[in-house]
Amino acid sequence: MGRTQQEDIDLPTLLRLARGGYGNTIARHLGAAGFDDLPRNGPFLIAALAAGRPSAELTRGLGVSRQAASQLVDTLVLRGYLCREIDPADRRRMTLALTDRGSAAAAVIRAGTEEVDAALASMLSPAQLAGLRAGLVALGQIREQTDDDR
């Protein structure tokens, strides 16, 4: 049995190509809803906060420097998506929260994500989808290990 064309493409290239499926769909949804002023990585940060992920984890998840993450947060605060609040448990720290505008954008991001999820579910069997998820989790674990190495 011969190799298919997809098997000839290396995994890093496939991952780069695949990333656009979510990014393009989410950007289309955001633009249609009037949220076309989100900077790069803005949808990731908003979706992560909406999902309840601690803001301290987000810098690492963005894969950018603390300075770049801080600039992203500043932009999202200025554009009305986020607000900073003093952490009641530690007044030296700030926490991030979604504003009403941020929550509305998060709902649009979720709708775009669900559209791609549904398309994937129609193209892959449940076992293939579970395998894809397991592979991506494993790649995330490799990233964490290599981040620690740097």
N, C-alpha and C. Protein backbone atom coordinates (compact mmCIF):
# COMPACT_ATOMS: atom_id res chain seq x y z
N MET A 1 0.84 -1.17 0.00
CA MET A 1 0.00 0.00 0.00
C MET A 1 0.89 1.25 0.00
N GLY A 2 0.64 2.17 -0.92
CA GLY A 2 1.47 3.36 -1.05
C GLY A 2 1.09 4.44 -0.05
N ARG A 3 2.01 5.35 0.11
CA ARG A 3 1.77 6.47 1.03
C ARG A 3 0.82 7.47 0.39
N THR A 4 -0.04 8.06 1.19
CA THR A 4 -0.92 9.10 0.68
C THR A 4 -0.19 10.42 0.70
N GLN A 5 -0.75 11.41 0.02
CA GLN A 5 -0.12 12.73 -0.04
C GLN A 5 0.01 13.34 1.36
N GLN A 6 -1.00 13.14 2.23
CA GLN A 6 -0.92 13.68 3.58
C GLN A 6 0.22 13.07 4.38
N GLU A 7 0.53 11.82 4.13
CA GLU A 7 1.61 11.18 4.87
C GLU A 7 2.98 11.71 4.47
N ASP A 8 3.06 12.37 3.31
CA ASP A 8 4.32 12.94 2.85
C ASP A 8 4.61 14.31 3.47
N ILE A 9 3.64 14.89 4.14
CA ILE A 9 3.82 16.20 4.76
C ILE A 9 4.26 15.99 6.21
N ASP A 10 5.34 16.68 6.60
CA ASP A 10 5.83 16.50 7.97
C ASP A 10 4.87 17.12 8.99
N LEU A 11 4.92 16.61 10.21
CA LEU A 11 3.99 17.04 11.25
C LEU A 11 4.06 18.53 11.57
N PRO A 12 5.25 19.14 11.65
CA PRO A 12 5.26 20.59 11.91
C PRO A 12 4.49 21.39 10.84
N THR A 13 4.62 20.99 9.60
CA THR A 13 3.89 21.68 8.52
C THR A 13 2.39 21.45 8.67
N LEU A 14 2.00 20.22 8.97
CA LEU A 14 0.58 19.94 9.17
C LEU A 14 0.01 20.74 10.33
N LEU A 15 0.77 20.87 11.41
CA LEU A 15 0.30 21.64 12.56
C LEU A 15 0.12 23.12 12.20
N ARG A 16 1.05 23.66 11.44
CA ARG A 16 0.93 25.06 11.02
C ARG A 16 -0.29 25.25 10.13
N LEU A 17 -0.50 24.34 9.19
CA LEU A 17 -1.66 24.43 8.31
C LEU A 17 -2.97 24.28 9.09
N ALA A 18 -2.98 23.35 10.05
CA ALA A 18 -4.19 23.07 10.82
C ALA A 18 -4.58 24.24 11.71
N ARG A 19 -3.61 24.95 12.22
CA ARG A 19 -3.88 26.07 13.12
C ARG A 19 -4.79 27.10 12.48
N GLY A 20 -4.65 27.27 11.18
CA GLY A 20 -5.48 28.24 10.47
C GLY A 20 -6.95 27.88 10.46
N GLY A 21 -7.28 26.61 10.61
CA GLY A 21 -8.69 26.21 10.62
C GLY A 21 -9.45 26.91 11.73
N TYR A 22 -8.91 26.89 12.91
CA TYR A 22 -9.54 27.59 14.03
C TYR A 22 -9.36 29.11 13.89
N GLY A 23 -8.13 29.54 13.63
CA GLY A 23 -7.85 30.97 13.57
C GLY A 23 -8.69 31.70 12.54
N ASN A 24 -8.78 31.15 11.34
CA ASN A 24 -9.54 31.82 10.28
C ASN A 24 -11.03 31.85 10.61
N THR A 25 -11.55 30.75 11.12
CA THR A 25 -12.97 30.69 11.45
C THR A 25 -13.30 31.64 12.58
N ILE A 26 -12.49 31.66 13.61
CA ILE A 26 -12.72 32.57 14.74
C ILE A 26 -12.62 34.02 14.27
N ALA A 27 -11.62 34.33 13.45
CA ALA A 27 -11.47 35.70 12.94
C ALA A 27 -12.70 36.13 12.12
N ARG A 28 -13.24 35.22 11.33
CA ARG A 28 -14.44 35.52 10.54
C ARG A 28 -15.61 35.82 11.47
N HIS A 29 -15.80 35.01 12.48
CA HIS A 29 -16.88 35.23 13.45
C HIS A 29 -16.69 36.57 14.18
N LEU A 30 -15.46 36.84 14.61
CA LEU A 30 -15.20 38.09 15.34
C LEU A 30 -15.44 39.30 14.46
N GLY A 31 -15.00 39.24 13.21
CA GLY A 31 -15.21 40.36 12.30
C GLY A 31 -16.69 40.62 12.05
N ALA A 32 -17.45 39.56 11.86
CA ALA A 32 -18.89 39.70 11.62
C ALA A 32 -19.61 40.29 12.83
N ALA A 33 -19.08 40.04 14.02
CA ALA A 33 -19.71 40.53 15.25
C ALA A 33 -19.18 41.90 15.68
N GLY A 34 -18.26 42.47 14.89
CA GLY A 34 -17.74 43.79 15.22
C GLY A 34 -16.54 43.81 16.15
N PHE A 35 -15.94 42.65 16.35
CA PHE A 35 -14.76 42.56 17.21
C PHE A 35 -13.50 42.42 16.35
N ASP A 36 -13.34 43.32 15.40
CA ASP A 36 -12.22 43.22 14.47
C ASP A 36 -10.97 43.95 14.95
N ASP A 37 -11.00 44.43 16.20
CA ASP A 37 -9.85 45.15 16.73
C ASP A 37 -9.02 44.32 17.71
N LEU A 38 -9.27 43.01 17.73
CA LEU A 38 -8.48 42.16 18.63
C LEU A 38 -7.09 41.93 18.05
N PRO A 39 -6.06 42.14 18.86
CA PRO A 39 -4.71 41.87 18.39
C PRO A 39 -4.44 40.36 18.32
N ARG A 40 -3.37 40.02 17.65
CA ARG A 40 -2.95 38.62 17.58
C ARG A 40 -2.84 38.09 19.02
N ASN A 41 -3.25 36.90 19.24
CA ASN A 41 -3.26 36.24 20.55
C ASN A 41 -4.38 36.74 21.46
N GLY A 42 -5.07 37.80 21.07
CA GLY A 42 -6.18 38.29 21.88
C GLY A 42 -7.29 37.26 22.05
N PRO A 43 -7.72 36.61 20.97
CA PRO A 43 -8.77 35.59 21.13
C PRO A 43 -8.35 34.45 22.07
N PHE A 44 -7.09 34.04 22.01
CA PHE A 44 -6.61 32.98 22.90
C PHE A 44 -6.74 33.41 24.36
N LEU A 45 -6.29 34.61 24.65
CA LEU A 45 -6.32 35.11 26.03
C LEU A 45 -7.75 35.26 26.53
N ILE A 46 -8.61 35.82 25.71
CA ILE A 46 -10.01 36.01 26.10
C ILE A 46 -10.69 34.67 26.33
N ALA A 47 -10.48 33.72 25.41
CA ALA A 47 -11.10 32.39 25.57
C ALA A 47 -10.58 31.69 26.81
N ALA A 48 -9.30 31.81 27.08
CA ALA A 48 -8.73 31.16 28.26
C ALA A 48 -9.29 31.75 29.55
N LEU A 49 -9.43 33.07 29.60
CA LEU A 49 -10.01 33.69 30.79
C LEU A 49 -11.48 33.30 30.94
N ALA A 50 -12.20 33.24 29.83
CA ALA A 50 -13.61 32.84 29.87
C ALA A 50 -13.76 31.40 30.37
N ALA A 51 -12.76 30.57 30.07
CA ALA A 51 -12.79 29.17 30.52
C ALA A 51 -12.34 29.01 31.96
N GLY A 52 -11.94 30.12 32.59
CA GLY A 52 -11.55 30.07 33.99
C GLY A 52 -10.10 29.72 34.25
N ARG A 53 -9.28 29.76 33.20
CA ARG A 53 -7.85 29.48 33.43
C ARG A 53 -7.22 30.65 34.16
N PRO A 54 -6.38 30.36 35.14
CA PRO A 54 -5.74 31.43 35.91
C PRO A 54 -4.86 32.30 35.01
N SER A 55 -4.91 33.60 35.24
CA SER A 55 -4.14 34.51 34.39
C SER A 55 -2.64 34.25 34.48
N ALA A 56 -2.16 33.71 35.60
CA ALA A 56 -0.73 33.41 35.73
C ALA A 56 -0.28 32.35 34.73
N GLU A 57 -1.17 31.43 34.35
CA GLU A 57 -0.84 30.38 33.38
C GLU A 57 -0.79 30.91 31.96
N LEU A 58 -1.43 32.03 31.72
CA LEU A 58 -1.67 32.47 30.35
C LEU A 58 -0.41 32.91 29.62
N THR A 59 0.51 33.54 30.32
CA THR A 59 1.75 33.97 29.67
C THR A 59 2.46 32.77 29.07
N ARG A 60 2.52 31.70 29.83
CA ARG A 60 3.18 30.49 29.34
C ARG A 60 2.42 29.90 28.15
N GLY A 61 1.10 29.90 28.22
CA GLY A 61 0.28 29.37 27.14
C GLY A 61 0.39 30.18 25.86
N LEU A 62 0.64 31.48 26.00
CA LEU A 62 0.80 32.33 24.82
C LEU A 62 2.10 32.04 24.09
N GLY A 63 3.10 31.58 24.83
CA GLY A 63 4.40 31.31 24.21
C GLY A 63 5.14 32.58 23.84
N VAL A 64 4.90 33.66 24.59
CA VAL A 64 5.59 34.92 24.34
C VAL A 64 6.24 35.38 25.63
N SER A 65 7.07 36.40 25.53
CA SER A 65 7.74 36.93 26.71
C SER A 65 6.72 37.59 27.64
N ARG A 66 7.13 37.80 28.88
CA ARG A 66 6.26 38.49 29.83
C ARG A 66 5.94 39.90 29.34
N GLN A 67 6.93 40.53 28.74
CA GLN A 67 6.72 41.89 28.23
C GLN A 67 5.66 41.89 27.12
N ALA A 68 5.75 40.94 26.20
CA ALA A 68 4.76 40.86 25.11
C ALA A 68 3.37 40.53 25.65
N ALA A 69 3.32 39.64 26.65
CA ALA A 69 2.03 39.31 27.27
C ALA A 69 1.45 40.54 27.97
N SER A 70 2.29 41.30 28.65
CA SER A 70 1.84 42.51 29.33
C SER A 70 1.32 43.53 28.33
N GLN A 71 1.98 43.66 27.20
CA GLN A 71 1.52 44.58 26.16
C GLN A 71 0.18 44.15 25.59
N LEU A 72 0.00 42.83 25.42
CA LEU A 72 -1.28 42.31 24.95
C LEU A 72 -2.39 42.64 25.95
N VAL A 73 -2.13 42.41 27.22
CA VAL A 73 -3.12 42.72 28.26
C VAL A 73 -3.43 44.21 28.25
N ASP A 74 -2.41 45.06 28.16
CA ASP A 74 -2.63 46.51 28.12
C ASP A 74 -3.56 46.88 26.96
N THR A 75 -3.31 46.30 25.80
CA THR A 75 -4.14 46.59 24.62
C THR A 75 -5.57 46.14 24.84
N LEU A 76 -5.74 44.95 25.41
CA LEU A 76 -7.10 44.44 25.65
C LEU A 76 -7.84 45.26 26.71
N VAL A 77 -7.11 45.79 27.68
CA VAL A 77 -7.73 46.67 28.67
C VAL A 77 -8.15 47.97 27.99
N LEU A 78 -7.25 48.57 27.21
CA LEU A 78 -7.56 49.83 26.53
C LEU A 78 -8.73 49.70 25.56
N ARG A 79 -8.87 48.53 24.94
CA ARG A 79 -9.95 48.33 23.96
C ARG A 79 -11.24 47.82 24.60
N GLY A 80 -11.22 47.70 25.92
CA GLY A 80 -12.44 47.39 26.64
C GLY A 80 -12.81 45.93 26.77
N TYR A 81 -11.86 45.02 26.53
CA TYR A 81 -12.14 43.59 26.64
C TYR A 81 -11.85 43.04 28.04
N LEU A 82 -10.88 43.64 28.72
CA LEU A 82 -10.45 43.17 30.04
C LEU A 82 -10.41 44.33 31.02
N CYS A 83 -10.48 43.98 32.29
CA CYS A 83 -10.18 44.96 33.33
C CYS A 83 -9.22 44.29 34.32
N ARG A 84 -8.44 45.13 34.96
CA ARG A 84 -7.53 44.65 35.99
C ARG A 84 -8.16 44.94 37.33
N GLU A 85 -8.03 43.99 38.23
CA GLU A 85 -8.57 44.17 39.58
C GLU A 85 -7.51 43.73 40.58
N ILE A 86 -7.52 44.35 41.74
CA ILE A 86 -6.60 43.95 42.80
C ILE A 86 -7.05 42.60 43.34
N ASP A 87 -6.10 41.69 43.47
CA ASP A 87 -6.38 40.36 44.00
C ASP A 87 -6.70 40.49 45.49
N PRO A 88 -7.93 40.12 45.89
CA PRO A 88 -8.28 40.27 47.31
C PRO A 88 -7.43 39.40 48.23
N ALA A 89 -6.89 38.30 47.72
CA ALA A 89 -6.07 37.41 48.55
C ALA A 89 -4.65 37.94 48.70
N ASP A 90 -4.20 38.76 47.75
CA ASP A 90 -2.84 39.30 47.79
C ASP A 90 -2.87 40.66 47.11
N ARG A 91 -2.98 41.71 47.88
CA ARG A 91 -3.19 43.05 47.34
C ARG A 91 -2.01 43.54 46.49
N ARG A 92 -0.90 42.84 46.51
CA ARG A 92 0.23 43.21 45.65
C ARG A 92 0.05 42.73 44.23
N ARG A 93 -0.92 41.84 44.02
CA ARG A 93 -1.13 41.23 42.70
C ARG A 93 -2.39 41.78 42.05
N MET A 94 -2.38 41.72 40.74
CA MET A 94 -3.55 42.12 39.95
C MET A 94 -4.14 40.86 39.32
N THR A 95 -5.44 40.83 39.17
CA THR A 95 -6.10 39.76 38.44
C THR A 95 -6.76 40.38 37.21
N LEU A 96 -7.01 39.54 36.24
CA LEU A 96 -7.67 39.97 35.01
C LEU A 96 -9.10 39.45 35.01
N ALA A 97 -10.00 40.24 34.50
CA ALA A 97 -11.38 39.81 34.37
C ALA A 97 -11.92 40.32 33.04
N LEU A 98 -12.84 39.56 32.47
CA LEU A 98 -13.49 39.99 31.24
C LEU A 98 -14.52 41.07 31.55
N THR A 99 -14.56 42.08 30.70
CA THR A 99 -15.64 43.06 30.77
C THR A 99 -16.84 42.47 30.03
N ASP A 100 -17.93 43.22 29.97
CA ASP A 100 -19.08 42.76 29.19
C ASP A 100 -18.68 42.57 27.73
N ARG A 101 -17.88 43.50 27.20
CA ARG A 101 -17.40 43.39 25.81
C ARG A 101 -16.54 42.14 25.66
N GLY A 102 -15.68 41.88 26.65
CA GLY A 102 -14.84 40.68 26.61
C GLY A 102 -15.66 39.41 26.66
N SER A 103 -16.69 39.40 27.48
CA SER A 103 -17.57 38.22 27.57
C SER A 103 -18.31 37.99 26.26
N ALA A 104 -18.75 39.09 25.62
CA ALA A 104 -19.42 38.96 24.33
C ALA A 104 -18.45 38.41 23.27
N ALA A 105 -17.23 38.90 23.28
CA ALA A 105 -16.22 38.38 22.34
C ALA A 105 -15.93 36.92 22.62
N ALA A 106 -15.88 36.54 23.90
CA ALA A 106 -15.62 35.14 24.26
C ALA A 106 -16.72 34.23 23.71
N ALA A 107 -17.96 34.69 23.74
CA ALA A 107 -19.07 33.89 23.20
C ALA A 107 -18.91 33.70 21.69
N VAL A 108 -18.45 34.73 21.01
CA VAL A 108 -18.23 34.64 19.56
C VAL A 108 -17.06 33.70 19.26
N ILE A 109 -16.01 33.79 20.05
CA ILE A 109 -14.85 32.90 19.89
C ILE A 109 -15.30 31.45 20.10
N ARG A 110 -16.12 31.24 21.11
CA ARG A 110 -16.63 29.89 21.39
C ARG A 110 -17.45 29.36 20.22
N ALA A 111 -18.27 30.22 19.61
CA ALA A 111 -19.08 29.81 18.46
C ALA A 111 -18.17 29.41 17.28
N GLY A 112 -17.11 30.15 17.05
CA GLY A 112 -16.17 29.80 15.99
C GLY A 112 -15.47 28.48 16.27
N THR A 113 -15.09 28.29 17.52
CA THR A 113 -14.45 27.03 17.93
C THR A 113 -15.40 25.86 17.73
N GLU A 114 -16.64 26.03 18.13
CA GLU A 114 -17.64 24.96 17.99
C GLU A 114 -17.91 24.63 16.53
N GLU A 115 -17.85 25.64 15.66
CA GLU A 115 -18.03 25.39 14.22
C GLU A 115 -16.94 24.46 13.69
N VAL A 116 -15.70 24.75 14.06
CA VAL A 116 -14.59 23.90 13.61
C VAL A 116 -14.67 22.53 14.27
N ASP A 117 -15.01 22.49 15.56
CA ASP A 117 -15.16 21.21 16.24
C ASP A 117 -16.20 20.33 15.54
N ALA A 118 -17.32 20.93 15.12
CA ALA A 118 -18.37 20.18 14.43
C ALA A 118 -17.88 19.69 13.07
N ALA A 119 -17.13 20.52 12.37
CA ALA A 119 -16.58 20.10 11.07
C ALA A 119 -15.63 18.92 11.25
N LEU A 120 -14.78 19.00 12.29
CA LEU A 120 -13.87 17.89 12.58
C LEU A 120 -14.64 16.61 12.90
N ALA A 121 -15.68 16.74 13.70
CA ALA A 121 -16.48 15.58 14.09
C ALA A 121 -17.17 14.94 12.89
N SER A 122 -17.44 15.74 11.87
CA SER A 122 -18.08 15.19 10.67
C SER A 122 -17.06 14.55 9.72
N MET A 123 -15.79 14.87 9.90
CA MET A 123 -14.74 14.37 9.01
C MET A 123 -13.94 13.21 9.61
N LEU A 124 -13.98 13.08 10.93
CA LEU A 124 -13.19 12.06 11.62
C LEU A 124 -14.11 11.17 12.44
N SER A 125 -13.69 9.94 12.62
CA SER A 125 -14.42 9.05 13.51
C SER A 125 -14.14 9.47 14.95
N PRO A 126 -14.97 9.04 15.90
CA PRO A 126 -14.67 9.35 17.30
C PRO A 126 -13.28 8.85 17.73
N ALA A 127 -12.87 7.70 17.23
CA ALA A 127 -11.55 7.17 17.59
C ALA A 127 -10.45 8.06 17.00
N GLN A 128 -10.63 8.53 15.77
CA GLN A 128 -9.63 9.41 15.17
C GLN A 128 -9.56 10.74 15.92
N LEU A 129 -10.71 11.25 16.30
CA LEU A 129 -10.74 12.51 17.04
C LEU A 129 -10.06 12.36 18.41
N ALA A 130 -10.31 11.23 19.06
CA ALA A 130 -9.65 10.95 20.34
C ALA A 130 -8.14 10.83 20.14
N GLY A 131 -7.72 10.20 19.05
CA GLY A 131 -6.29 10.08 18.75
C GLY A 131 -5.65 11.44 18.47
N LEU A 132 -6.37 12.28 17.74
CA LEU A 132 -5.87 13.63 17.48
C LEU A 132 -5.68 14.38 18.79
N ARG A 133 -6.67 14.31 19.65
CA ARG A 133 -6.59 14.98 20.95
C ARG A 133 -5.43 14.44 21.77
N ALA A 134 -5.27 13.13 21.80
CA ALA A 134 -4.18 12.52 22.57
C ALA A 134 -2.82 12.95 22.02
N GLY A 135 -2.71 13.01 20.71
CA GLY A 135 -1.45 13.45 20.10
C GLY A 135 -1.13 14.89 20.44
N LEU A 136 -2.14 15.75 20.42
CA LEU A 136 -1.91 17.15 20.75
C LEU A 136 -1.56 17.33 22.22
N VAL A 137 -2.19 16.56 23.09
CA VAL A 137 -1.83 16.60 24.52
C VAL A 137 -0.37 16.18 24.69
N ALA A 138 0.04 15.13 23.99
CA ALA A 138 1.43 14.68 24.08
C ALA A 138 2.39 15.76 23.59
N LEU A 139 2.04 16.42 22.50
CA LEU A 139 2.89 17.52 22.00
C LEU A 139 2.96 18.66 23.01
N GLY A 140 1.87 18.93 23.68
CA GLY A 140 1.87 19.95 24.73
C GLY A 140 2.80 19.57 25.87
N GLN A 141 2.81 18.29 26.22
CA GLN A 141 3.70 17.83 27.28
C GLN A 141 5.16 17.95 26.85
N ILE A 142 5.44 17.64 25.60
CA ILE A 142 6.80 17.80 25.08
C ILE A 142 7.21 19.26 25.13
N ARG A 143 6.27 20.14 24.78
CA ARG A 143 6.58 21.57 24.83
C ARG A 143 6.92 21.99 26.25
N GLU A 144 6.13 21.54 27.23
CA GLU A 144 6.41 21.91 28.61
C GLU A 144 7.80 21.44 29.03
N GLN A 145 8.17 20.23 28.62
CA GLN A 145 9.49 19.69 28.98
C GLN A 145 10.59 20.53 28.32
N THR A 146 10.40 20.90 27.08
CA THR A 146 11.44 21.65 26.38
C THR A 146 11.47 23.10 26.83
N ASP A 147 10.31 23.66 27.28
CA ASP A 147 10.31 25.00 27.85
C ASP A 147 11.17 25.03 29.10
N ASP A 148 11.06 23.99 29.91
CA ASP A 148 11.85 23.91 31.14
C ASP A 148 13.34 23.78 30.83
N ASP A 149 13.67 23.18 29.68
CA ASP A 149 15.07 23.01 29.29
C ASP A 149 15.73 24.33 28.90
N ARG A 150 14.93 25.30 28.44
CA ARG A 150 15.51 26.55 27.96
C ARG A 150 15.94 27.37 29.09
